[in-house]
Amino acid sequence: MRISSVGVVIAVLACAGCRSREATSQPREAPSLAPTGKQESPPPPDARLLAEGCQAGEKAACEQLFAHFPELRPVKRSRAEVQALAASCDQADWTACNDLGVLYQNGLSVQQDLSRSVALYKRSCDGNLAMACFNLAGAYETGSGVAKDLAEAAHLWSKACDLGSIPSCARLGVAYAGGEGVRKDFRQAAAYYARACDGGMPVPCWNLASFYESGAGVPKSAAKAQEYYSKACNAGMLSACGASAH
């Protein structure tokens, strides 16, 4: 099984330093995408869900993605391919600029240069390429090739979310829930979790269910909490399938 979108794969490759960041500050803790407990015949993992989880900063999802789909690990490009990417980037091909940025970030086929990687991501993000804005946000979040700036990271996640990057919506929800680069605001966190959940990501559905269960940022509602636990289950989080609102 392969991920159909090249863009998703490229964005995942830029998640080399991803960490487990999903948190709601609420009673329930979201489990990993992998089912818990012993199973005799576990279903094959969904590459798309693992990729999205990795993009959203879930370390376990990154590890599982490359363990089950080794063909998606970063690979070196030939010198001709690197030159072709550079030429396309010079012609305002923003996807090529982003892909080249991934190579420089990871030191693949070129000498690692984090500053150049950031410059390429910025150029692509200025061209409104959502995945480049997501990658640039990650650089500001971790201080890779640029001074660490969580406020700028949040700004870029917001832009990427508006451009259609569902993982960016999820990450912005985490930022608002934890007050990372923005003022803590559970109402805003809930709104971004809802966008990410509607986009098919399971962990934001779980987080939003927890919000409805506790009344953080949304009116307390056991019925709505159960609805979002079910959505998390239907989106592929098997360990959410048995969850019930209290």
C-alpha atoms as a PDB file:
ATOM      1  CA  MET A   1       0.000   0.000   0.000  1.00  0.00           C
ATOM      2  CA  ARG A   2       1.287   3.441  -0.904  1.00  0.00           C
ATOM      3  CA  ILE A   3       0.126   6.924  -0.083  1.00  0.00           C
ATOM      4  CA  SER A   4      -1.443   8.348  -3.208  1.00  0.00           C
ATOM      5  CA  SER A   5      -0.494  11.961  -2.586  1.00  0.00           C
ATOM      6  CA  VAL A   6       3.165  12.832  -3.108  1.00  0.00           C
ATOM      7  CA  GLY A   7       2.589  15.962  -1.069  1.00  0.00           C
ATOM      8  CA  VAL A   8       1.621  13.963   2.009  1.00  0.00           C
ATOM      9  CA  VAL A   9       4.768  11.858   1.730  1.00  0.00           C
ATOM     10  CA  ILE A  10       7.024  14.898   1.366  1.00  0.00           C
ATOM     11  CA  ALA A  11       5.482  16.587   4.388  1.00  0.00           C
ATOM     12  CA  VAL A  12       5.943  13.429   6.433  1.00  0.00           C
ATOM     13  CA  LEU A  13       9.625  13.291   5.531  1.00  0.00           C
ATOM     14  CA  ALA A  14      10.048  16.727   7.037  1.00  0.00           C
ATOM     15  CA  CYS A  15       8.765  15.392  10.362  1.00  0.00           C
ATOM     16  CA  ALA A  16      12.138  13.981  11.366  1.00  0.00           C
ATOM     17  CA  GLY A  17      12.019  15.540  14.842  1.00  0.00           C
ATOM     18  CA  CYS A  18       8.368  14.903  15.546  1.00  0.00           C
ATOM     19  CA  ARG A  19       7.286  14.387  19.135  1.00  0.00           C
ATOM     20  CA  SER A  20       4.127  13.284  20.834  1.00  0.00           C
ATOM     21  CA  ARG A  21       2.318  16.588  21.287  1.00  0.00           C
ATOM     22  CA  GLU A  22      -1.441  15.849  21.305  1.00  0.00           C
ATOM     23  CA  ALA A  23      -2.781  17.006  24.660  1.00  0.00           C
ATOM     24  CA  THR A  24      -6.088  18.319  25.862  1.00  0.00           C
ATOM     25  CA  SER A  25      -5.456  19.122  29.560  1.00  0.00           C
ATOM     26  CA  GLN A  26      -8.638  17.127  30.173  1.00  0.00           C
ATOM     27  CA  PRO A  27      -9.496  13.868  32.015  1.00  0.00           C
ATOM     28  CA  ARG A  28      -9.003  11.584  29.043  1.00  0.00           C
ATOM     29  CA  GLU A  29      -5.676  11.023  27.348  1.00  0.00           C
ATOM     30  CA  ALA A  30      -5.796  10.208  23.656  1.00  0.00           C
ATOM     31  CA  PRO A  31      -4.263   6.817  22.916  1.00  0.00           C
ATOM     32  CA  SER A  32      -1.912   6.233  20.019  1.00  0.00           C
ATOM     33  CA  LEU A  33      -3.221   5.350  16.568  1.00  0.00           C
ATOM     34  CA  ALA A  34      -2.188   1.758  17.161  1.00  0.00           C
ATOM     35  CA  PRO A  35      -4.803  -0.464  18.834  1.00  0.00           C
ATOM     36  CA  THR A  36      -4.038  -1.379  22.421  1.00  0.00           C
ATOM     37  CA  GLY A  37      -4.267  -4.832  23.944  1.00  0.00           C
ATOM     38  CA  LYS A  38      -3.545  -8.216  22.440  1.00  0.00           C
ATOM     39  CA  GLN A  39      -5.107  -8.991  19.069  1.00  0.00           C
ATOM     40  CA  GLU A  40      -4.810 -12.277  17.246  1.00  0.00           C
ATOM     41  CA  SER A  41      -5.191 -10.806  13.763  1.00  0.00           C
ATOM     42  CA  PRO A  42      -4.519  -7.066  13.812  1.00  0.00           C
ATOM     43  CA  PRO A  43      -5.737  -5.209  10.725  1.00  0.00           C
ATOM     44  CA  PRO A  44      -3.108  -3.757   8.404  1.00  0.00           C
ATOM     45  CA  PRO A  45      -2.224  -0.161   9.305  1.00  0.00           C
ATOM     46  CA  ASP A  46      -3.644   2.687   7.262  1.00  0.00           C
ATOM     47  CA  ALA A  47      -0.734   4.579   5.683  1.00  0.00           C
ATOM     48  CA  ARG A  48      -2.782   7.750   5.285  1.00  0.00           C
ATOM     49  CA  LEU A  49      -3.742   7.857   8.952  1.00  0.00           C
ATOM     50  CA  LEU A  50      -0.185   7.147  10.060  1.00  0.00           C
ATOM     51  CA  ALA A  51       1.117   9.857   7.732  1.00  0.00           C
ATOM     52  CA  GLU A  52      -1.367  12.393   9.067  1.00  0.00           C
ATOM     53  CA  GLY A  53      -0.532  11.437  12.632  1.00  0.00           C
ATOM     54  CA  CYS A  54       3.162  11.842  11.899  1.00  0.00           C
ATOM     55  CA  GLN A  55       2.517  15.240  10.340  1.00  0.00           C
ATOM     56  CA  ALA A  56       0.616  16.286  13.445  1.00  0.00           C
ATOM     57  CA  GLY A  57       3.630  15.433  15.613  1.00  0.00           C
ATOM     58  CA  GLU A  58       2.820  11.947  16.862  1.00  0.00           C
ATOM     59  CA  LYS A  59       6.153  10.172  17.269  1.00  0.00           C
ATOM     60  CA  ALA A  60       4.557   6.718  17.424  1.00  0.00           C
ATOM     61  CA  ALA A  61       2.790   7.344  14.112  1.00  0.00           C
ATOM     62  CA  CYS A  62       6.099   8.332  12.457  1.00  0.00           C
ATOM     63  CA  GLU A  63       7.774   5.178  13.752  1.00  0.00           C
ATOM     64  CA  GLN A  64       4.919   2.932  12.627  1.00  0.00           C
ATOM     65  CA  LEU A  65       4.701   4.609   9.218  1.00  0.00           C
ATOM     66  CA  PHE A  66       8.316   3.869   8.333  1.00  0.00           C
ATOM     67  CA  ALA A  67       8.258   0.441   9.992  1.00  0.00           C
ATOM     68  CA  HIS A  68       5.274  -0.749   7.946  1.00  0.00           C
ATOM     69  CA  PHE A  69       6.037   1.239   4.794  1.00  0.00           C
ATOM     70  CA  PRO A  70       9.846   1.371   4.467  1.00  0.00           C
ATOM     71  CA  GLU A  71       9.481   2.583   0.875  1.00  0.00           C
ATOM     72  CA  LEU A  72       8.352   5.931   2.295  1.00  0.00           C
ATOM     73  CA  ARG A  73      11.600   6.554   4.145  1.00  0.00           C
ATOM     74  CA  PRO A  74      13.623   9.498   2.852  1.00  0.00           C
ATOM     75  CA  VAL A  75      15.680   8.449  -0.167  1.00  0.00           C
ATOM     76  CA  LYS A  76      18.527  10.127  -1.928  1.00  0.00           C
ATOM     77  CA  ARG A  77      17.935  11.846  -5.264  1.00  0.00           C
ATOM     78  CA  SER A  78      20.343  11.711  -8.141  1.00  0.00           C
ATOM     79  CA  ARG A  79      22.379  14.800  -8.906  1.00  0.00           C
ATOM     80  CA  ALA A  80      20.272  15.332 -12.037  1.00  0.00           C
ATOM     81  CA  GLU A  81      17.073  15.148 -10.007  1.00  0.00           C
ATOM     82  CA  VAL A  82      18.343  17.708  -7.508  1.00  0.00           C
ATOM     83  CA  GLN A  83      19.323  20.028 -10.339  1.00  0.00           C
ATOM     84  CA  ALA A  84      15.882  19.554 -11.921  1.00  0.00           C
ATOM     85  CA  LEU A  85      14.180  20.457  -8.639  1.00  0.00           C
ATOM     86  CA  ALA A  86      16.325  23.590  -8.328  1.00  0.00           C
ATOM     87  CA  ALA A  87      15.506  24.626 -11.895  1.00  0.00           C
ATOM     88  CA  SER A  88      11.789  24.090 -11.319  1.00  0.00           C
ATOM     89  CA  CYS A  89      11.954  26.031  -8.071  1.00  0.00           C
ATOM     90  CA  ASP A  90      13.549  28.922  -9.933  1.00  0.00           C
ATOM     91  CA  GLN A  91      10.503  28.847 -12.219  1.00  0.00           C
ATOM     92  CA  ALA A  92       8.153  29.311  -9.248  1.00  0.00           C
ATOM     93  CA  ASP A  93       7.248  25.634  -8.900  1.00  0.00           C
ATOM     94  CA  TRP A  94       6.463  25.805  -5.183  1.00  0.00           C
ATOM     95  CA  THR A  95       6.205  22.039  -4.767  1.00  0.00           C
ATOM     96  CA  ALA A  96       9.727  21.688  -6.169  1.00  0.00           C
ATOM     97  CA  CYS A  97      10.990  24.342  -3.744  1.00  0.00           C
ATOM     98  CA  ASN A  98       9.388  22.497  -0.852  1.00  0.00           C
ATOM     99  CA  ASP A  99      10.811  19.144  -1.966  1.00  0.00           C
ATOM    100  CA  LEU A 100      14.250  20.709  -2.247  1.00  0.00           C
ATOM    101  CA  GLY A 101      13.807  22.118   1.248  1.00  0.00           C
ATOM    102  CA  VAL A 102      13.123  18.592   2.540  1.00  0.00           C
ATOM    103  CA  LEU A 103      16.389  17.395   0.995  1.00  0.00           C
ATOM    104  CA  TYR A 104      18.384  20.203   2.626  1.00  0.00           C
ATOM    105  CA  GLN A 105      16.663  19.682   5.964  1.00  0.00           C
ATOM    106  CA  ASN A 106      17.519  15.981   6.025  1.00  0.00           C
ATOM    107  CA  GLY A 107      20.887  16.139   4.237  1.00  0.00           C
ATOM    108  CA  LEU A 108      19.732  13.867   1.433  1.00  0.00           C
ATOM    109  CA  SER A 109      21.733  14.097  -1.800  1.00  0.00           C
ATOM    110  CA  VAL A 110      22.965  17.513  -0.642  1.00  0.00           C
ATOM    111  CA  GLN A 111      24.909  18.750   2.352  1.00  0.00           C
ATOM    112  CA  GLN A 112      22.506  19.458   5.184  1.00  0.00           C
ATOM    113  CA  ASP A 113      21.725  23.148   5.379  1.00  0.00           C
ATOM    114  CA  LEU A 114      18.871  24.031   7.716  1.00  0.00           C
ATOM    115  CA  SER A 115      18.981  27.734   6.913  1.00  0.00           C
ATOM    116  CA  ARG A 116      18.634  27.032   3.205  1.00  0.00           C
ATOM    117  CA  SER A 117      15.833  24.590   3.964  1.00  0.00           C
ATOM    118  CA  VAL A 118      13.965  27.307   5.861  1.00  0.00           C
ATOM    119  CA  ALA A 119      14.479  29.761   2.991  1.00  0.00           C
ATOM    120  CA  LEU A 120      13.026  27.259   0.528  1.00  0.00           C
ATOM    121  CA  TYR A 121      10.044  26.523   2.762  1.00  0.00           C
ATOM    122  CA  LYS A 122       9.415  30.248   3.183  1.00  0.00           C
ATOM    123  CA  ARG A 123       9.539  30.806  -0.564  1.00  0.00           C
ATOM    124  CA  SER A 124       7.011  28.026  -1.093  1.00  0.00           C
ATOM    125  CA  CYS A 125       4.805  29.191   1.778  1.00  0.00           C
ATOM    126  CA  ASP A 126       4.803  32.726   0.356  1.00  0.00           C
ATOM    127  CA  GLY A 127       3.514  31.036  -2.803  1.00  0.00           C
ATOM    128  CA  ASN A 128       0.667  29.612  -0.681  1.00  0.00           C
ATOM    129  CA  LEU A 129       1.752  25.976  -0.690  1.00  0.00           C
ATOM    130  CA  ALA A 130       0.112  24.569   2.445  1.00  0.00           C
ATOM    131  CA  MET A 131       2.625  21.804   3.151  1.00  0.00           C
ATOM    132  CA  ALA A 132       5.509  24.289   2.933  1.00  0.00           C
ATOM    133  CA  CYS A 133       3.834  26.512   5.527  1.00  0.00           C
ATOM    134  CA  PHE A 134       3.413  23.436   7.735  1.00  0.00           C
ATOM    135  CA  ASN A 135       7.093  22.544   7.312  1.00  0.00           C
ATOM    136  CA  LEU A 136       8.160  26.121   7.992  1.00  0.00           C
ATOM    137  CA  ALA A 137       6.038  26.151  11.142  1.00  0.00           C
ATOM    138  CA  GLY A 138       7.868  23.039  12.291  1.00  0.00           C
ATOM    139  CA  ALA A 139      11.190  24.807  11.822  1.00  0.00           C
ATOM    140  CA  TYR A 140      10.042  27.729  13.983  1.00  0.00           C
ATOM    141  CA  GLU A 141       8.609  25.333  16.565  1.00  0.00           C
ATOM    142  CA  THR A 142      11.902  23.488  17.019  1.00  0.00           C
ATOM    143  CA  GLY A 143      14.370  26.258  16.140  1.00  0.00           C
ATOM    144  CA  SER A 144      15.769  24.308  13.189  1.00  0.00           C
ATOM    145  CA  GLY A 145      17.604  26.715  10.890  1.00  0.00           C
ATOM    146  CA  VAL A 146      15.850  29.702  12.414  1.00  0.00           C
ATOM    147  CA  ALA A 147      15.364  31.170  15.876  1.00  0.00           C
ATOM    148  CA  LYS A 148      12.694  29.315  17.822  1.00  0.00           C
ATOM    149  CA  ASP A 149       9.458  31.286  17.745  1.00  0.00           C
ATOM    150  CA  LEU A 150       6.242  29.569  18.813  1.00  0.00           C
ATOM    151  CA  ALA A 151       4.137  32.616  17.959  1.00  0.00           C
ATOM    152  CA  GLU A 152       5.396  32.517  14.368  1.00  0.00           C
ATOM    153  CA  ALA A 153       4.842  28.761  14.274  1.00  0.00           C
ATOM    154  CA  ALA A 154       1.229  29.274  15.343  1.00  0.00           C
ATOM    155  CA  HIS A 155       0.781  31.980  12.699  1.00  0.00           C
ATOM    156  CA  LEU A 156       2.077  29.600  10.031  1.00  0.00           C
ATOM    157  CA  TRP A 157      -0.100  26.713  11.231  1.00  0.00           C
ATOM    158  CA  SER A 158      -3.058  29.061  10.937  1.00  0.00           C
ATOM    159  CA  LYS A 159      -2.135  29.996   7.375  1.00  0.00           C
ATOM    160  CA  ALA A 160      -1.511  26.374   6.410  1.00  0.00           C
ATOM    161  CA  CYS A 161      -4.822  25.322   7.972  1.00  0.00           C
ATOM    162  CA  ASP A 162      -6.666  27.973   5.960  1.00  0.00           C
ATOM    163  CA  LEU A 163      -4.876  26.682   2.837  1.00  0.00           C
ATOM    164  CA  GLY A 164      -6.198  23.188   3.482  1.00  0.00           C
ATOM    165  CA  SER A 165      -3.537  21.475   5.608  1.00  0.00           C
ATOM    166  CA  ILE A 166      -5.598  19.352   7.997  1.00  0.00           C
ATOM    167  CA  PRO A 167      -2.579  18.400  10.184  1.00  0.00           C
ATOM    168  CA  SER A 168      -1.916  22.122  10.627  1.00  0.00           C
ATOM    169  CA  CYS A 169      -5.458  22.594  11.937  1.00  0.00           C
ATOM    170  CA  ALA A 170      -4.840  19.760  14.395  1.00  0.00           C
ATOM    171  CA  ARG A 171      -1.511  21.216  15.534  1.00  0.00           C
ATOM    172  CA  LEU A 172      -3.059  24.650  15.998  1.00  0.00           C
ATOM    173  CA  GLY A 173      -5.715  23.057  18.182  1.00  0.00           C
ATOM    174  CA  VAL A 174      -2.939  21.646  20.375  1.00  0.00           C
ATOM    175  CA  ALA A 175      -1.316  25.093  20.497  1.00  0.00           C
ATOM    176  CA  TYR A 176      -4.502  26.762  21.721  1.00  0.00           C
ATOM    177  CA  ALA A 177      -5.179  23.965  24.220  1.00  0.00           C
ATOM    178  CA  GLY A 178      -1.711  24.332  25.714  1.00  0.00           C
ATOM    179  CA  GLY A 179      -1.051  28.038  25.185  1.00  0.00           C
ATOM    180  CA  GLU A 180       1.888  27.427  22.842  1.00  0.00           C
ATOM    181  CA  GLY A 181       2.662  30.656  20.991  1.00  0.00           C
ATOM    182  CA  VAL A 182      -0.916  31.830  21.516  1.00  0.00           C
ATOM    183  CA  ARG A 183      -3.071  32.651  24.513  1.00  0.00           C
ATOM    184  CA  LYS A 184      -4.635  29.472  25.888  1.00  0.00           C
ATOM    185  CA  ASP A 185      -8.162  29.306  24.530  1.00  0.00           C
ATOM    186  CA  PHE A 186     -10.183  26.091  24.740  1.00  0.00           C
ATOM    187  CA  ARG A 187     -12.897  27.546  22.503  1.00  0.00           C
ATOM    188  CA  GLN A 188     -10.406  28.112  19.710  1.00  0.00           C
ATOM    189  CA  ALA A 189      -8.806  24.727  20.371  1.00  0.00           C
ATOM    190  CA  ALA A 190     -12.200  23.074  19.993  1.00  0.00           C
ATOM    191  CA  ALA A 191     -12.840  24.894  16.724  1.00  0.00           C
ATOM    192  CA  TYR A 192      -9.546  23.718  15.198  1.00  0.00           C
ATOM    193  CA  TYR A 193      -9.990  20.191  16.535  1.00  0.00           C
ATOM    194  CA  ALA A 194     -13.381  20.162  14.809  1.00  0.00           C
ATOM    195  CA  ARG A 195     -11.831  21.199  11.489  1.00  0.00           C
ATOM    196  CA  ALA A 196      -9.184  18.499  11.773  1.00  0.00           C
ATOM    197  CA  CYS A 197     -11.744  15.902  12.832  1.00  0.00           C
ATOM    198  CA  ASP A 198     -13.949  16.802   9.863  1.00  0.00           C
ATOM    199  CA  GLY A 199     -10.832  16.330   7.728  1.00  0.00           C
ATOM    200  CA  GLY A 200     -10.589  12.703   8.849  1.00  0.00           C
ATOM    201  CA  MET A 201      -7.933  12.814  11.597  1.00  0.00           C
ATOM    202  CA  PRO A 202      -8.884  10.629  14.569  1.00  0.00           C
ATOM    203  CA  VAL A 203      -6.912  12.168  17.470  1.00  0.00           C
ATOM    204  CA  PRO A 204      -8.559  15.619  17.151  1.00  0.00           C
ATOM    205  CA  CYS A 205     -11.944  13.842  17.220  1.00  0.00           C
ATOM    206  CA  TRP A 206     -10.918  12.197  20.483  1.00  0.00           C
ATOM    207  CA  ASN A 207      -9.702  15.498  21.916  1.00  0.00           C
ATOM    208  CA  LEU A 208     -12.935  17.233  20.954  1.00  0.00           C
ATOM    209  CA  ALA A 209     -14.941  14.418  22.560  1.00  0.00           C
ATOM    210  CA  SER A 210     -12.977  15.025  25.757  1.00  0.00           C
ATOM    211  CA  PHE A 211     -13.805  18.728  25.551  1.00  0.00           C
ATOM    212  CA  TYR A 212     -17.523  17.982  25.266  1.00  0.00           C
ATOM    213  CA  GLU A 213     -17.273  15.547  28.145  1.00  0.00           C
ATOM    214  CA  SER A 214     -15.660  18.127  30.442  1.00  0.00           C
ATOM    215  CA  GLY A 215     -17.233  21.292  29.036  1.00  0.00           C
ATOM    216  CA  ALA A 216     -13.895  22.869  28.065  1.00  0.00           C
ATOM    217  CA  GLY A 217     -14.483  25.473  25.357  1.00  0.00           C
ATOM    218  CA  VAL A 218     -17.834  23.949  24.393  1.00  0.00           C
ATOM    219  CA  PRO A 219     -21.125  23.301  26.194  1.00  0.00           C
ATOM    220  CA  LYS A 220     -20.868  20.101  28.214  1.00  0.00           C
ATOM    221  CA  SER A 221     -22.680  17.322  26.382  1.00  0.00           C
ATOM    222  CA  ALA A 222     -22.396  13.585  26.862  1.00  0.00           C
ATOM    223  CA  ALA A 223     -24.221  13.056  23.567  1.00  0.00           C
ATOM    224  CA  LYS A 224     -21.742  15.190  21.605  1.00  0.00           C
ATOM    225  CA  ALA A 225     -18.832  13.557  23.396  1.00  0.00           C
ATOM    226  CA  GLN A 226     -20.094  10.135  22.362  1.00  0.00           C
ATOM    227  CA  GLU A 227     -20.553  11.394  18.791  1.00  0.00           C
ATOM    228  CA  TYR A 228     -16.923  12.436  18.564  1.00  0.00           C
ATOM    229  CA  TYR A 229     -15.617   9.281  20.215  1.00  0.00           C
ATOM    230  CA  SER A 230     -17.505   7.414  17.491  1.00  0.00           C
ATOM    231  CA  LYS A 231     -15.956   9.660  14.838  1.00  0.00           C
ATOM    232  CA  ALA A 232     -12.489   8.903  16.210  1.00  0.00           C
ATOM    233  CA  CYS A 233     -13.305   5.201  15.987  1.00  0.00           C
ATOM    234  CA  ASN A 234     -14.646   5.506  12.442  1.00  0.00           C
ATOM    235  CA  ALA A 235     -11.546   7.486  11.422  1.00  0.00           C
ATOM    236  CA  GLY A 236      -9.337   4.558  12.389  1.00  0.00           C
ATOM    237  CA  MET A 237      -8.527   4.928  16.091  1.00  0.00           C
ATOM    238  CA  LEU A 238      -9.540   1.429  17.131  1.00  0.00           C
ATOM    239  CA  SER A 239      -8.858   2.080  20.805  1.00  0.00           C
ATOM    240  CA  ALA A 240     -11.551   4.796  20.688  1.00  0.00           C
ATOM    241  CA  CYS A 241     -14.200   2.337  19.588  1.00  0.00           C
ATOM    242  CA  GLY A 242     -14.943   1.223  23.142  1.00  0.00           C
ATOM    243  CA  ALA A 243     -14.831   4.700  24.666  1.00  0.00           C
ATOM    244  CA  SER A 244     -17.977   6.039  26.287  1.00  0.00           C
ATOM    245  CA  ALA A 245     -18.817   9.451  27.658  1.00  0.00           C
ATOM    246  CA  HIS A 246     -19.261   9.678  31.445  1.00  0.00           C
END
